[in-house]
C-alpha atoms as a PDB file:
ATOM      1  CA  UNK A   1      -4.274  27.887  12.789  1.00  0.00           C
ATOM      2  CA  UNK A   2      -1.519  25.849  14.408  1.00  0.00           C
ATOM      3  CA  UNK A   3      -0.042  22.471  13.585  1.00  0.00           C
ATOM      4  CA  UNK A   4      -2.078  19.800  11.825  1.00  0.00           C
ATOM      5  CA  UNK A   5       0.058  17.070  13.399  1.00  0.00           C
ATOM      6  CA  UNK A   6      -2.033  14.220  14.779  1.00  0.00           C
ATOM      7  CA  UNK A   7      -5.234  15.486  13.164  1.00  0.00           C
ATOM      8  CA  UNK A   8      -7.211  14.013  10.283  1.00  0.00           C
ATOM      9  CA  UNK A   9      -9.021  15.530   7.323  1.00  0.00           C
ATOM     10  CA  UNK A  10     -12.371  15.348   9.093  1.00  0.00           C
ATOM     11  CA  UNK A  11     -11.119  17.630  11.836  1.00  0.00           C
ATOM     12  CA  UNK A  12      -9.630  20.063   9.309  1.00  0.00           C
ATOM     13  CA  UNK A  13     -12.990  20.259   7.545  1.00  0.00           C
ATOM     14  CA  UNK A  14     -15.150  20.609  10.644  1.00  0.00           C
ATOM     15  CA  UNK A  15     -12.874  23.243  12.186  1.00  0.00           C
ATOM     16  CA  UNK A  16     -12.634  25.192   8.921  1.00  0.00           C
ATOM     17  CA  UNK A  17      -8.871  24.871   9.103  1.00  0.00           C
ATOM     18  CA  UNK A  18      -6.691  26.871   6.709  1.00  0.00           C
ATOM     19  CA  UNK A  19      -5.474  23.666   5.048  1.00  0.00           C
ATOM     20  CA  UNK A  20      -9.044  22.633   4.308  1.00  0.00           C
ATOM     21  CA  UNK A  21      -9.899  26.013   2.847  1.00  0.00           C
ATOM     22  CA  UNK A  22      -6.860  25.803   0.586  1.00  0.00           C
ATOM     23  CA  UNK A  23      -7.483  22.196  -0.518  1.00  0.00           C
ATOM     24  CA  UNK A  24     -10.938  20.898   0.494  1.00  0.00           C
ATOM     25  CA  UNK A  25     -10.197  17.428  -0.851  1.00  0.00           C
ATOM     26  CA  UNK A  26      -7.268  15.502   0.633  1.00  0.00           C
ATOM     27  CA  UNK A  27      -6.124  18.493   2.688  1.00  0.00           C
ATOM     28  CA  UNK A  28      -3.380  16.720   4.626  1.00  0.00           C
ATOM     29  CA  UNK A  29      -2.159  14.814   1.602  1.00  0.00           C
ATOM     30  CA  UNK A  30      -1.827  18.061  -0.377  1.00  0.00           C
ATOM     31  CA  UNK A  31       0.060  19.554   2.562  1.00  0.00           C
ATOM     32  CA  UNK A  32       2.445  16.588   2.599  1.00  0.00           C
ATOM     33  CA  UNK A  33       2.818  16.695  -1.186  1.00  0.00           C
ATOM     34  CA  UNK A  34       3.776  20.385  -1.036  1.00  0.00           C
ATOM     35  CA  UNK A  35       6.458  19.639   1.549  1.00  0.00           C
ATOM     36  CA  UNK A  36       8.026  16.725  -0.319  1.00  0.00           C
ATOM     37  CA  UNK A  37       7.852  18.598  -3.635  1.00  0.00           C
ATOM     38  CA  UNK A  38       9.748  21.506  -2.106  1.00  0.00           C
ATOM     39  CA  UNK A  39      12.387  19.117  -0.795  1.00  0.00           C
ATOM     40  CA  UNK A  40      12.967  17.193  -4.032  1.00  0.00           C
ATOM     41  CA  UNK A  41      12.908  20.382  -6.118  1.00  0.00           C
ATOM     42  CA  UNK A  42      15.241  22.404  -3.899  1.00  0.00           C
ATOM     43  CA  UNK A  43      17.588  24.438  -6.095  1.00  0.00           C
ATOM     44  CA  UNK A  44      20.697  23.278  -4.241  1.00  0.00           C
ATOM     45  CA  UNK A  45      19.991  19.944  -2.579  1.00  0.00           C
ATOM     46  CA  UNK A  46      16.914  18.567  -4.346  1.00  0.00           C
ATOM     47  CA  UNK A  47      16.850  15.376  -6.370  1.00  0.00           C
ATOM     48  CA  UNK A  48      15.784  17.298  -9.446  1.00  0.00           C
ATOM     49  CA  UNK A  49      19.200  18.929  -9.775  1.00  0.00           C
ATOM     50  CA  UNK A  50      20.365  15.528 -11.018  1.00  0.00           C
ATOM     51  CA  UNK A  51      17.713  15.414 -13.745  1.00  0.00           C
ATOM     52  CA  UNK A  52      17.642  17.000 -17.200  1.00  0.00           C
ATOM     53  CA  UNK A  53      15.848  20.338 -17.066  1.00  0.00           C
ATOM     54  CA  UNK A  54      13.103  19.150 -19.395  1.00  0.00           C
ATOM     55  CA  UNK A  55      11.876  16.366 -17.082  1.00  0.00           C
ATOM     56  CA  UNK A  56      12.104  18.086 -13.706  1.00  0.00           C
ATOM     57  CA  UNK A  57       8.541  19.425 -13.684  1.00  0.00           C
ATOM     58  CA  UNK A  58       7.041  16.069 -14.690  1.00  0.00           C
ATOM     59  CA  UNK A  59       9.114  14.316 -12.005  1.00  0.00           C
ATOM     60  CA  UNK A  60       7.799  16.645  -9.303  1.00  0.00           C
ATOM     61  CA  UNK A  61       4.246  16.168 -10.595  1.00  0.00           C
ATOM     62  CA  UNK A  62       4.691  12.408 -10.367  1.00  0.00           C
ATOM     63  CA  UNK A  63       5.979  12.683  -6.803  1.00  0.00           C
ATOM     64  CA  UNK A  64       2.932  14.770  -5.908  1.00  0.00           C
ATOM     65  CA  UNK A  65       0.613  12.187  -7.458  1.00  0.00           C
ATOM     66  CA  UNK A  66       2.231   9.384  -5.501  1.00  0.00           C
ATOM     67  CA  UNK A  67       1.887  11.240  -2.196  1.00  0.00           C
ATOM     68  CA  UNK A  68      -1.736  12.208  -2.912  1.00  0.00           C
ATOM     69  CA  UNK A  69      -2.555   8.515  -3.401  1.00  0.00           C
ATOM     70  CA  UNK A  70      -2.235   8.022   0.380  1.00  0.00           C
ATOM     71  CA  UNK A  71      -5.591   9.761   0.878  1.00  0.00           C
ATOM     72  CA  UNK A  72      -7.815   6.952   2.124  1.00  0.00           C
ATOM     73  CA  UNK A  73     -10.830   8.647   0.519  1.00  0.00           C
ATOM     74  CA  UNK A  74      -9.301   7.636  -2.832  1.00  0.00           C
ATOM     75  CA  UNK A  75      -8.394   4.101  -1.781  1.00  0.00           C
ATOM     76  CA  UNK A  76     -11.341   2.219  -3.260  1.00  0.00           C
ATOM     77  CA  UNK A  77     -10.918   3.734  -6.723  1.00  0.00           C
ATOM     78  CA  UNK A  78      -7.139   3.261  -6.816  1.00  0.00           C
ATOM     79  CA  UNK A  79      -7.453  -0.310  -5.598  1.00  0.00           C
ATOM     80  CA  UNK A  80     -10.165  -1.169  -8.135  1.00  0.00           C
ATOM     81  CA  UNK A  81      -8.091   0.194 -11.013  1.00  0.00           C
ATOM     82  CA  UNK A  82      -4.933  -1.592  -9.853  1.00  0.00           C
ATOM     83  CA  UNK A  83      -6.762  -4.899  -9.392  1.00  0.00           C
ATOM     84  CA  UNK A  84      -8.344  -4.687 -12.826  1.00  0.00           C
ATOM     85  CA  UNK A  85      -5.133  -4.423 -14.815  1.00  0.00           C
ATOM     86  CA  UNK A  86      -3.157  -6.794 -12.586  1.00  0.00           C
ATOM     87  CA  UNK A  87      -5.868  -9.457 -12.860  1.00  0.00           C
ATOM     88  CA  UNK A  88      -5.909  -8.923 -16.611  1.00  0.00           C
ATOM     89  CA  UNK A  89      -2.189  -9.575 -16.866  1.00  0.00           C
ATOM     90  CA  UNK A  90      -2.253 -12.643 -14.643  1.00  0.00           C
ATOM     91  CA  UNK A  91      -5.105 -14.169 -16.646  1.00  0.00           C
ATOM     92  CA  UNK A  92      -3.476 -13.329 -19.983  1.00  0.00           C
ATOM     93  CA  UNK A  93       0.197 -14.285 -19.660  1.00  0.00           C
ATOM     94  CA  UNK A  94       2.675 -13.225 -22.365  1.00  0.00           C
ATOM     95  CA  UNK A  95       4.330 -15.630 -24.717  1.00  0.00           C
ATOM     96  CA  UNK A  96       7.629 -17.028 -23.392  1.00  0.00           C
ATOM     97  CA  UNK A  97       9.069 -17.124 -26.892  1.00  0.00           C
ATOM     98  CA  UNK A  98      10.751 -13.730 -26.711  1.00  0.00           C
ATOM     99  CA  UNK A  99      14.266 -13.224 -25.450  1.00  0.00           C
ATOM    100  CA  UNK A 100      15.462  -9.834 -24.244  1.00  0.00           C
ATOM    101  CA  UNK A 101      18.828  -8.464 -23.323  1.00  0.00           C
ATOM    102  CA  UNK A 102      19.801  -5.009 -22.166  1.00  0.00           C
ATOM    103  CA  UNK A 103      19.407  -2.567 -25.048  1.00  0.00           C
ATOM    104  CA  UNK A 104      17.054  -4.755 -27.091  1.00  0.00           C
ATOM    105  CA  UNK A 105      14.132  -3.095 -28.824  1.00  0.00           C
ATOM    106  CA  UNK A 106      11.266  -4.101 -26.534  1.00  0.00           C
ATOM    107  CA  UNK A 107       8.492  -3.683 -29.088  1.00  0.00           C
ATOM    108  CA  UNK A 108      10.258  -5.869 -31.659  1.00  0.00           C
ATOM    109  CA  UNK A 109      11.083  -8.556 -29.135  1.00  0.00           C
ATOM    110  CA  UNK A 110       7.551  -9.058 -27.858  1.00  0.00           C
ATOM    111  CA  UNK A 111       5.034 -11.391 -29.386  1.00  0.00           C
ATOM    112  CA  UNK A 112       1.269 -11.240 -29.097  1.00  0.00           C
ATOM    113  CA  UNK A 113      -0.077 -11.828 -25.616  1.00  0.00           C
ATOM    114  CA  UNK A 114      -2.433 -14.577 -26.656  1.00  0.00           C
ATOM    115  CA  UNK A 115      -3.013 -17.914 -25.007  1.00  0.00           C
ATOM    116  CA  UNK A 116       0.178 -19.575 -23.856  1.00  0.00           C
ATOM    117  CA  UNK A 117       0.883 -23.198 -23.210  1.00  0.00           C
ATOM    118  CA  UNK A 118       2.918 -22.154 -20.173  1.00  0.00           C
ATOM    119  CA  UNK A 119       1.251 -22.076 -16.790  1.00  0.00           C
ATOM    120  CA  UNK A 120       0.186 -18.572 -15.678  1.00  0.00           C
ATOM    121  CA  UNK A 121       2.750 -17.084 -13.328  1.00  0.00           C
ATOM    122  CA  UNK A 122       2.007 -16.870  -9.638  1.00  0.00           C
ATOM    123  CA  UNK A 123       4.247 -14.662  -7.533  1.00  0.00           C
ATOM    124  CA  UNK A 124       7.617 -13.085  -8.096  1.00  0.00           C
ATOM    125  CA  UNK A 125       7.865 -10.547 -10.883  1.00  0.00           C
ATOM    126  CA  UNK A 126      11.015  -8.498 -11.269  1.00  0.00           C
ATOM    127  CA  UNK A 127      10.946  -5.141 -12.981  1.00  0.00           C
ATOM    128  CA  UNK A 128      13.782  -3.875 -15.100  1.00  0.00           C
ATOM    129  CA  UNK A 129      14.473  -1.131 -17.634  1.00  0.00           C
ATOM    130  CA  UNK A 130      15.510  -2.763 -20.887  1.00  0.00           C
ATOM    131  CA  UNK A 131      15.430   0.185 -23.279  1.00  0.00           C
ATOM    132  CA  UNK A 132      14.990   3.915 -23.476  1.00  0.00           C
ATOM    133  CA  UNK A 133      13.461   5.604 -26.476  1.00  0.00           C
ATOM    134  CA  UNK A 134      14.829   8.764 -28.050  1.00  0.00           C
ATOM    135  CA  UNK A 135      12.790  10.901 -25.653  1.00  0.00           C
ATOM    136  CA  UNK A 136      14.420   9.150 -22.688  1.00  0.00           C
ATOM    137  CA  UNK A 137      11.072   7.897 -21.447  1.00  0.00           C
ATOM    138  CA  UNK A 138      11.371   4.737 -19.448  1.00  0.00           C
ATOM    139  CA  UNK A 139      10.038   1.511 -20.910  1.00  0.00           C
ATOM    140  CA  UNK A 140       9.403  -0.787 -17.993  1.00  0.00           C
ATOM    141  CA  UNK A 141       9.495  -4.495 -18.629  1.00  0.00           C
ATOM    142  CA  UNK A 142       8.500  -7.165 -16.188  1.00  0.00           C
ATOM    143  CA  UNK A 143      10.416 -10.411 -16.187  1.00  0.00           C
ATOM    144  CA  UNK A 144       8.794 -13.257 -14.351  1.00  0.00           C
ATOM    145  CA  UNK A 145      10.124 -15.730 -11.841  1.00  0.00           C
ATOM    146  CA  UNK A 146       7.534 -18.447 -12.313  1.00  0.00           C
ATOM    147  CA  UNK A 147       5.967 -19.908  -9.234  1.00  0.00           C
ATOM    148  CA  UNK A 148       3.186 -22.375  -8.728  1.00  0.00           C
ATOM    149  CA  UNK A 149       1.374 -19.999  -6.411  1.00  0.00           C
ATOM    150  CA  UNK A 150       1.993 -18.877  -2.854  1.00  0.00           C
ATOM    151  CA  UNK A 151       4.406 -21.226  -1.197  1.00  0.00           C
ATOM    152  CA  UNK A 152       4.871 -23.253  -4.384  1.00  0.00           C
ATOM    153  CA  UNK A 153       7.864 -23.791  -6.599  1.00  0.00           C
ATOM    154  CA  UNK A 154       6.547 -24.125 -10.138  1.00  0.00           C
ATOM    155  CA  UNK A 155       9.376 -23.296 -12.558  1.00  0.00           C
ATOM    156  CA  UNK A 156      11.264 -21.066 -10.125  1.00  0.00           C
ATOM    157  CA  UNK A 157      14.470 -23.009 -10.611  1.00  0.00           C
ATOM    158  CA  UNK A 158      14.423 -22.485 -14.373  1.00  0.00           C
ATOM    159  CA  UNK A 159      13.653 -18.784 -14.075  1.00  0.00           C
ATOM    160  CA  UNK A 160      15.793 -18.035 -11.046  1.00  0.00           C
ATOM    161  CA  UNK A 161      18.450 -16.165 -13.039  1.00  0.00           C
ATOM    162  CA  UNK A 162      16.203 -13.624 -14.694  1.00  0.00           C
ATOM    163  CA  UNK A 163      17.621 -10.634 -12.896  1.00  0.00           C
ATOM    164  CA  UNK A 164      18.848  -8.030 -15.297  1.00  0.00           C
ATOM    165  CA  UNK A 165      22.295  -8.798 -16.675  1.00  0.00           C
ATOM    166  CA  UNK A 166      22.527 -12.348 -15.291  1.00  0.00           C
ATOM    167  CA  UNK A 167      21.712 -15.823 -16.456  1.00  0.00           C
ATOM    168  CA  UNK A 168      21.080 -17.078 -19.947  1.00  0.00           C
ATOM    169  CA  UNK A 169      18.671 -14.261 -20.803  1.00  0.00           C
ATOM    170  CA  UNK A 170      15.309 -15.947 -21.432  1.00  0.00           C
ATOM    171  CA  UNK A 171      13.054 -13.208 -20.047  1.00  0.00           C
ATOM    172  CA  UNK A 172       9.397 -12.905 -20.704  1.00  0.00           C
ATOM    173  CA  UNK A 173       6.792 -10.670 -19.228  1.00  0.00           C
ATOM    174  CA  UNK A 174       4.682  -7.582 -19.666  1.00  0.00           C
ATOM    175  CA  UNK A 175       5.414  -4.092 -20.866  1.00  0.00           C
ATOM    176  CA  UNK A 176       3.666  -1.656 -18.557  1.00  0.00           C
ATOM    177  CA  UNK A 177       2.173   1.451 -20.097  1.00  0.00           C
ATOM    178  CA  UNK A 178       2.389   4.854 -18.435  1.00  0.00           C
ATOM    179  CA  UNK A 179      -0.960   4.520 -16.666  1.00  0.00           C
ATOM    180  CA  UNK A 180       0.005   1.148 -15.260  1.00  0.00           C
ATOM    181  CA  UNK A 181       3.403   2.405 -14.150  1.00  0.00           C
ATOM    182  CA  UNK A 182       1.801   5.325 -12.322  1.00  0.00           C
ATOM    183  CA  UNK A 183      -0.706   2.971 -10.725  1.00  0.00           C
ATOM    184  CA  UNK A 184       2.109   0.688  -9.591  1.00  0.00           C
ATOM    185  CA  UNK A 185       4.031   3.610  -8.073  1.00  0.00           C
ATOM    186  CA  UNK A 186       0.924   4.779  -6.215  1.00  0.00           C
ATOM    187  CA  UNK A 187       0.182   1.327  -4.842  1.00  0.00           C
ATOM    188  CA  UNK A 188       3.807   0.933  -3.784  1.00  0.00           C
ATOM    189  CA  UNK A 189       3.484   4.134  -1.757  1.00  0.00           C
ATOM    190  CA  UNK A 190       0.177   2.979  -0.294  1.00  0.00           C
ATOM    191  CA  UNK A 191       1.692  -0.334   0.771  1.00  0.00           C
ATOM    192  CA  UNK A 192       4.551   1.530   2.466  1.00  0.00           C
ATOM    193  CA  UNK A 193       2.086   3.904   4.124  1.00  0.00           C
ATOM    194  CA  UNK A 194       0.040   1.084   5.676  1.00  0.00           C
ATOM    195  CA  UNK A 195       2.823  -1.439   6.239  1.00  0.00           C
ATOM    196  CA  UNK A 196       2.834  -1.020  10.017  1.00  0.00           C
ATOM    197  CA  UNK A 197      -0.005  -3.521  10.339  1.00  0.00           C
ATOM    198  CA  UNK A 198       2.187  -6.143   8.676  1.00  0.00           C
ATOM    199  CA  UNK A 199       5.163  -5.763  10.979  1.00  0.00           C
ATOM    200  CA  UNK A 200       5.768  -8.249  13.774  1.00  0.00           C
ATOM    201  CA  UNK A 201       2.960  -7.960  16.330  1.00  0.00           C
ATOM    202  CA  UNK A 202       4.810  -5.863  18.982  1.00  0.00           C
ATOM    203  CA  UNK A 203       5.804  -3.273  16.365  1.00  0.00           C
ATOM    204  CA  UNK A 204       2.337  -3.336  14.791  1.00  0.00           C
ATOM    205  CA  UNK A 205       0.747  -2.729  18.190  1.00  0.00           C
ATOM    206  CA  UNK A 206       3.237   0.030  18.979  1.00  0.00           C
ATOM    207  CA  UNK A 207       2.079   2.002  15.948  1.00  0.00           C
ATOM    208  CA  UNK A 208      -1.561   1.045  16.393  1.00  0.00           C
ATOM    209  CA  UNK A 209      -1.549   2.337  19.950  1.00  0.00           C
ATOM    210  CA  UNK A 210       0.105   5.592  18.874  1.00  0.00           C
ATOM    211  CA  UNK A 211      -2.690   6.129  16.346  1.00  0.00           C
ATOM    212  CA  UNK A 212      -5.241   5.402  19.068  1.00  0.00           C
ATOM    213  CA  UNK A 213      -3.612   8.061  21.271  1.00  0.00           C
ATOM    214  CA  UNK A 214      -3.754  10.575  18.410  1.00  0.00           C
ATOM    215  CA  UNK A 215      -7.433   9.815  17.920  1.00  0.00           C
ATOM    216  CA  UNK A 216      -8.136  10.249  21.627  1.00  0.00           C
ATOM    217  CA  UNK A 217      -6.363  13.614  21.619  1.00  0.00           C
ATOM    218  CA  UNK A 218      -8.315  14.714  18.553  1.00  0.00           C
ATOM    219  CA  UNK A 219     -11.599  13.624  20.110  1.00  0.00           C
ATOM    220  CA  UNK A 220     -10.849  15.651  23.230  1.00  0.00           C
ATOM    221  CA  UNK A 221      -9.920  18.656  21.101  1.00  0.00           C
ATOM    222  CA  UNK A 222     -13.108  18.376  19.043  1.00  0.00           C
ATOM    223  CA  UNK A 223     -15.209  18.216  22.205  1.00  0.00           C
ATOM    224  CA  UNK A 224     -13.404  21.202  23.721  1.00  0.00           C
ATOM    225  CA  UNK A 225     -13.884  23.272  20.552  1.00  0.00           C
ATOM    226  CA  UNK A 226     -17.546  22.335  20.241  1.00  0.00           C
ATOM    227  CA  UNK A 227     -17.263  20.838  16.747  1.00  0.00           C
ATOM    228  CA  UNK A 228     -18.444  17.450  15.483  1.00  0.00           C
ATOM    229  CA  UNK A 229     -16.669  14.640  17.357  1.00  0.00           C
ATOM    230  CA  UNK A 230     -15.264  12.243  14.765  1.00  0.00           C
ATOM    231  CA  UNK A 231     -12.993  10.179  17.053  1.00  0.00           C
ATOM    232  CA  UNK A 232     -13.848   9.138  20.585  1.00  0.00           C
ATOM    233  CA  UNK A 233     -12.301  10.912  23.556  1.00  0.00           C
ATOM    234  CA  UNK A 234     -13.262   8.029  25.859  1.00  0.00           C
ATOM    235  CA  UNK A 235     -10.202   5.878  26.598  1.00  0.00           C
ATOM    236  CA  UNK A 236     -12.177   2.846  27.794  1.00  0.00           C
ATOM    237  CA  UNK A 237     -14.249   2.926  24.628  1.00  0.00           C
ATOM    238  CA  UNK A 238     -11.141   3.255  22.436  1.00  0.00           C
ATOM    239  CA  UNK A 239      -9.337   0.413  24.184  1.00  0.00           C
ATOM    240  CA  UNK A 240     -12.426  -1.793  23.963  1.00  0.00           C
ATOM    241  CA  UNK A 241     -12.526  -1.323  20.196  1.00  0.00           C
ATOM    242  CA  UNK A 242      -8.776  -1.447  19.512  1.00  0.00           C
ATOM    243  CA  UNK A 243      -8.393  -5.115  18.579  1.00  0.00           C
ATOM    244  CA  UNK A 244     -11.567  -5.113  16.491  1.00  0.00           C
ATOM    245  CA  UNK A 245     -10.389  -2.004  14.620  1.00  0.00           C
ATOM    246  CA  UNK A 246      -6.929  -3.433  13.956  1.00  0.00           C
ATOM    247  CA  UNK A 247      -8.332  -6.741  12.721  1.00  0.00           C
ATOM    248  CA  UNK A 248     -10.998  -5.127  10.567  1.00  0.00           C
ATOM    249  CA  UNK A 249      -8.674  -2.628   8.890  1.00  0.00           C
ATOM    250  CA  UNK A 250      -6.092  -5.319   8.209  1.00  0.00           C
ATOM    251  CA  UNK A 251      -8.575  -7.870   6.911  1.00  0.00           C
ATOM    252  CA  UNK A 252     -10.680  -5.605   4.701  1.00  0.00           C
ATOM    253  CA  UNK A 253      -8.248  -2.899   3.554  1.00  0.00           C
ATOM    254  CA  UNK A 254      -4.560  -3.652   4.047  1.00  0.00           C
ATOM    255  CA  UNK A 255      -4.410  -7.398   3.460  1.00  0.00           C
ATOM    256  CA  UNK A 256      -6.341  -7.371   0.147  1.00  0.00           C
ATOM    257  CA  UNK A 257      -4.026  -4.618  -1.099  1.00  0.00           C
ATOM    258  CA  UNK A 258      -0.847  -6.473  -0.153  1.00  0.00           C
ATOM    259  CA  UNK A 259      -2.211  -9.748  -1.477  1.00  0.00           C
ATOM    260  CA  UNK A 260      -2.861  -8.161  -4.865  1.00  0.00           C
ATOM    261  CA  UNK A 261       0.463  -6.304  -4.920  1.00  0.00           C
ATOM    262  CA  UNK A 262       2.535  -9.348  -4.009  1.00  0.00           C
ATOM    263  CA  UNK A 263       0.772 -11.462  -6.635  1.00  0.00           C
ATOM    264  CA  UNK A 264       3.189 -10.043  -9.195  1.00  0.00           C
ATOM    265  CA  UNK A 265       5.486  -7.347  -7.919  1.00  0.00           C
ATOM    266  CA  UNK A 266       7.619  -8.953  -5.214  1.00  0.00           C
ATOM    267  CA  UNK A 267       9.745 -12.102  -5.035  1.00  0.00           C
ATOM    268  CA  UNK A 268       7.746 -15.104  -3.880  1.00  0.00           C
ATOM    269  CA  UNK A 269       9.672 -15.619  -0.640  1.00  0.00           C
ATOM    270  CA  UNK A 270       9.086 -12.025   0.424  1.00  0.00           C
ATOM    271  CA  UNK A 271       5.397 -12.261  -0.441  1.00  0.00           C
ATOM    272  CA  UNK A 272       4.995 -15.432   1.586  1.00  0.00           C
ATOM    273  CA  UNK A 273       6.743 -13.909   4.606  1.00  0.00           C
ATOM    274  CA  UNK A 274       4.687 -10.697   4.522  1.00  0.00           C
ATOM    275  CA  UNK A 275       1.360 -12.468   4.126  1.00  0.00           C
ATOM    276  CA  UNK A 276       2.257 -14.986   6.827  1.00  0.00           C
ATOM    277  CA  UNK A 277       2.935 -12.157   9.289  1.00  0.00           C
ATOM    278  CA  UNK A 278      -0.333 -10.514   8.263  1.00  0.00           C
ATOM    279  CA  UNK A 279      -2.191 -13.737   8.968  1.00  0.00           C
ATOM    280  CA  UNK A 280      -0.542 -14.093  12.363  1.00  0.00           C
ATOM    281  CA  UNK A 281      -1.419 -10.513  13.351  1.00  0.00           C
ATOM    282  CA  UNK A 282      -4.991 -10.927  12.155  1.00  0.00           C
ATOM    283  CA  UNK A 283      -5.414 -14.130  14.168  1.00  0.00           C
ATOM    284  CA  UNK A 284      -3.854 -12.523  17.259  1.00  0.00           C
ATOM    285  CA  UNK A 285      -6.099  -9.451  17.143  1.00  0.00           C
ATOM    286  CA  UNK A 286      -9.213 -11.550  16.597  1.00  0.00           C
ATOM    287  CA  UNK A 287      -8.217 -13.823  19.485  1.00  0.00           C
ATOM    288  CA  UNK A 288      -7.568 -10.848  21.771  1.00  0.00           C
ATOM    289  CA  UNK A 289     -10.884  -9.308  20.766  1.00  0.00           C
ATOM    290  CA  UNK A 290     -12.690 -12.543  21.631  1.00  0.00           C
ATOM    291  CA  UNK A 291     -10.906 -12.713  24.992  1.00  0.00           C
ATOM    292  CA  UNK A 292     -11.795  -9.085  25.666  1.00  0.00           C
ATOM    293  CA  UNK A 293     -15.470  -9.719  24.889  1.00  0.00           C
ATOM    294  CA  UNK A 294     -15.498 -12.860  27.058  1.00  0.00           C
ATOM    295  CA  UNK A 295     -13.954 -10.966  29.965  1.00  0.00           C
ATOM    296  CA  UNK A 296     -16.521  -8.188  29.625  1.00  0.00           C
ATOM    297  CA  UNK A 297     -19.355 -10.715  29.562  1.00  0.00           C
ATOM    298  CA  UNK A 298     -17.966 -12.410  32.672  1.00  0.00           C
ATOM    299  CA  UNK A 299     -17.838  -9.074  34.499  1.00  0.00           C
ATOM    300  CA  UNK A 300     -21.442  -8.335  33.555  1.00  0.00           C
ATOM    301  CA  UNK A 301     -22.480 -11.781  34.755  1.00  0.00           C
ATOM    302  CA  UNK A 302     -20.669 -11.288  38.054  1.00  0.00           C
ATOM    303  CA  UNK A 303     -22.231  -7.878  38.601  1.00  0.00           C
ATOM    304  CA  UNK A 304     -25.644  -9.209  37.653  1.00  0.00           C
ATOM    305  CA  UNK A 305     -25.435 -12.037  40.184  1.00  0.00           C
ATOM    306  CA  UNK A 306     -24.127  -9.928  43.071  1.00  0.00           C
ATOM    307  CA  UNK A 307     -26.506  -8.519  45.723  1.00  0.00           C
ATOM    308  CA  UNK A 308     -27.886  -5.267  44.442  1.00  0.00           C
ATOM    309  CA  UNK A 309     -26.371  -5.941  41.021  1.00  0.00           C
ATOM    310  CA  UNK A 310     -28.002  -5.399  37.683  1.00  0.00           C
ATOM    311  CA  UNK A 311     -30.668  -7.954  36.756  1.00  0.00           C
END
């Protein structure tokens, strides 16, 4: 039925597209997952040729799961699950009494995660693999660069050498189970997928305007084919709503996700820079929306006051 480029799942459903018939839920995401799975599992050039035979299938399945997480229909559930376990870890910090080095037995080195006299960590968690069990399954351990919160310093100086293989070796943090690791991988992909709104404003607008053009083209195609119109084909209407759409999607979807992700899983400086840019873009789009509305109101006022104008 032709390319699905520039079209969304709603169009695929309403047009009874082949991709929708094959995978009614997350049609495009399944299509993308099939493509990337074929690439990574290519018999000659795929990444899986570097892996032991016994783990290749599970690796490809994990890649598929990560790609499927970009379906926005699944966003609320993925975000709720991620927030729940991240908030639980932040509110229940591990004991700093354990010391780990590469090759240590993680389970033996960890103490109970009860109340700690140390302040709960803010931003800046580094992940590292400290041990592999006999089945070669990764045990992921988080070591924490303590911060007093966004923009703060806390104990960052004391914990600044916690990168794997450096410093004196006092590392304390959380051991992530398989479900949490998968959740973290999915949210990492989702952050990458929606990161355009957190680029500097000219780049963010470049991508935002390209999406608007895709939506306009889809709206025109839907109208021409006589199916339900899910995106407007009216350029003036699309341009009038552009700033409001950008601000709303950033404020209510993208920013909460990045704020939660950077609470633990990025260095504090990076988190501060990303969230600062997000705040600047949000303020700019809201300001431009207000200016747009004021200009429209002024035009209506002028027309209303002119001879023969609207009352």
